[in-house]
Amino acid sequence: MMGGIKYENESTLARHRLHVVYSSKLDERKEMRTNQRLRVIVYTLAVLLLSISIWYGFKFGSGAR
């Protein structure tokens, strides 16, 4: 019985921590919405540059051999 009560208290404590973290994340999310488009553009540019560099590496690497 004692273990079950302890587990119940730990789960409610974990839920409370999750709620506190989630509420702080909501404040960050408002700022993230403004930066999200910029972040998406940066990520797509990074992926494009990476894929182009890999493609050039394969093209000239296989051509040199």
C-alpha atoms as a PDB file:
ATOM      1  CA  MET A   1       0.000   0.000   0.000  1.00  0.00           C
ATOM      2  CA  MET A   2       2.798   2.394   0.927  1.00  0.00           C
ATOM      3  CA  GLY A   3       4.554   1.931  -2.423  1.00  0.00           C
ATOM      4  CA  GLY A   4       1.370   2.722  -4.354  1.00  0.00           C
ATOM      5  CA  ILE A   5       0.814   5.957  -2.446  1.00  0.00           C
ATOM      6  CA  LYS A   6       4.421   6.964  -2.991  1.00  0.00           C
ATOM      7  CA  TYR A   7       4.120   6.265  -6.725  1.00  0.00           C
ATOM      8  CA  GLU A   8       0.921   8.307  -6.892  1.00  0.00           C
ATOM      9  CA  ASN A   9       2.623  11.286  -5.259  1.00  0.00           C
ATOM     10  CA  GLU A  10       5.606  10.997  -7.600  1.00  0.00           C
ATOM     11  CA  SER A  11       3.335  10.930 -10.651  1.00  0.00           C
ATOM     12  CA  THR A  12       1.466  14.056  -9.512  1.00  0.00           C
ATOM     13  CA  LEU A  13       4.812  15.746  -8.806  1.00  0.00           C
ATOM     14  CA  ALA A  14       6.021  14.780 -12.290  1.00  0.00           C
ATOM     15  CA  ARG A  15       2.785  16.138 -13.792  1.00  0.00           C
ATOM     16  CA  HIS A  16       3.280  19.402 -11.904  1.00  0.00           C
ATOM     17  CA  ARG A  17       6.843  19.675 -13.212  1.00  0.00           C
ATOM     18  CA  LEU A  18       5.610  18.947 -16.741  1.00  0.00           C
ATOM     19  CA  HIS A  19       2.953  21.645 -16.381  1.00  0.00           C
ATOM     20  CA  VAL A  20       5.518  24.194 -15.197  1.00  0.00           C
ATOM     21  CA  VAL A  21       7.867  23.293 -18.051  1.00  0.00           C
ATOM     22  CA  TYR A  22       4.976  23.375 -20.545  1.00  0.00           C
ATOM     23  CA  SER A  23       3.790  26.809 -19.391  1.00  0.00           C
ATOM     24  CA  SER A  24       7.323  28.189 -19.767  1.00  0.00           C
ATOM     25  CA  LYS A  25       7.523  26.530 -23.198  1.00  0.00           C
ATOM     26  CA  LEU A  26       4.296  28.295 -24.226  1.00  0.00           C
ATOM     27  CA  ASP A  27       5.959  31.657 -23.530  1.00  0.00           C
ATOM     28  CA  GLU A  28       8.927  30.569 -25.642  1.00  0.00           C
ATOM     29  CA  ARG A  29       6.563  29.327 -28.361  1.00  0.00           C
ATOM     30  CA  LYS A  30       5.173  32.841 -28.884  1.00  0.00           C
ATOM     31  CA  GLU A  31       8.705  34.021 -29.677  1.00  0.00           C
ATOM     32  CA  MET A  32       9.369  30.889 -31.744  1.00  0.00           C
ATOM     33  CA  ARG A  33       6.422  31.602 -34.049  1.00  0.00           C
ATOM     34  CA  THR A  34       8.116  34.810 -35.176  1.00  0.00           C
ATOM     35  CA  ASN A  35      11.464  33.046 -35.622  1.00  0.00           C
ATOM     36  CA  GLN A  36      10.008  29.849 -37.111  1.00  0.00           C
ATOM     37  CA  ARG A  37       9.930  31.042 -40.732  1.00  0.00           C
ATOM     38  CA  LEU A  38      13.489  32.349 -40.465  1.00  0.00           C
ATOM     39  CA  ARG A  39      14.591  29.073 -38.898  1.00  0.00           C
ATOM     40  CA  VAL A  40      12.891  27.043 -41.662  1.00  0.00           C
ATOM     41  CA  ILE A  41      14.630  29.145 -44.325  1.00  0.00           C
ATOM     42  CA  VAL A  42      18.009  28.688 -42.610  1.00  0.00           C
ATOM     43  CA  TYR A  43      17.505  24.928 -42.295  1.00  0.00           C
ATOM     44  CA  THR A  44      16.447  24.529 -45.929  1.00  0.00           C
ATOM     45  CA  LEU A  45      19.460  26.544 -47.089  1.00  0.00           C
ATOM     46  CA  ALA A  46      21.770  24.414 -44.922  1.00  0.00           C
ATOM     47  CA  VAL A  47      20.276  21.172 -46.282  1.00  0.00           C
ATOM     48  CA  LEU A  48      20.537  22.448 -49.862  1.00  0.00           C
ATOM     49  CA  LEU A  49      24.178  23.447 -49.402  1.00  0.00           C
ATOM     50  CA  LEU A  50      24.963  20.104 -47.782  1.00  0.00           C
ATOM     51  CA  SER A  51      23.264  18.096 -50.539  1.00  0.00           C
ATOM     52  CA  ILE A  52      24.956  20.161 -53.274  1.00  0.00           C
ATOM     53  CA  SER A  53      28.387  19.691 -51.668  1.00  0.00           C
ATOM     54  CA  ILE A  54      27.784  15.929 -51.337  1.00  0.00           C
ATOM     55  CA  TRP A  55      26.614  15.766 -54.975  1.00  0.00           C
ATOM     56  CA  TYR A  56      29.726  17.640 -56.149  1.00  0.00           C
ATOM     57  CA  GLY A  57      31.896  15.353 -54.009  1.00  0.00           C
ATOM     58  CA  PHE A  58      30.393  12.243 -55.598  1.00  0.00           C
ATOM     59  CA  LYS A  59      30.489  13.707 -59.104  1.00  0.00           C
ATOM     60  CA  PHE A  60      34.118  14.853 -59.065  1.00  0.00           C
ATOM     61  CA  GLY A  61      35.241  12.024 -56.772  1.00  0.00           C
ATOM     62  CA  SER A  62      33.964   9.359 -59.182  1.00  0.00           C
ATOM     63  CA  GLY A  63      35.143  11.401 -62.189  1.00  0.00           C
ATOM     64  CA  ALA A  64      38.706  11.649 -60.832  1.00  0.00           C
ATOM     65  CA  ARG A  65      38.895   7.883 -60.453  1.00  0.00           C
END
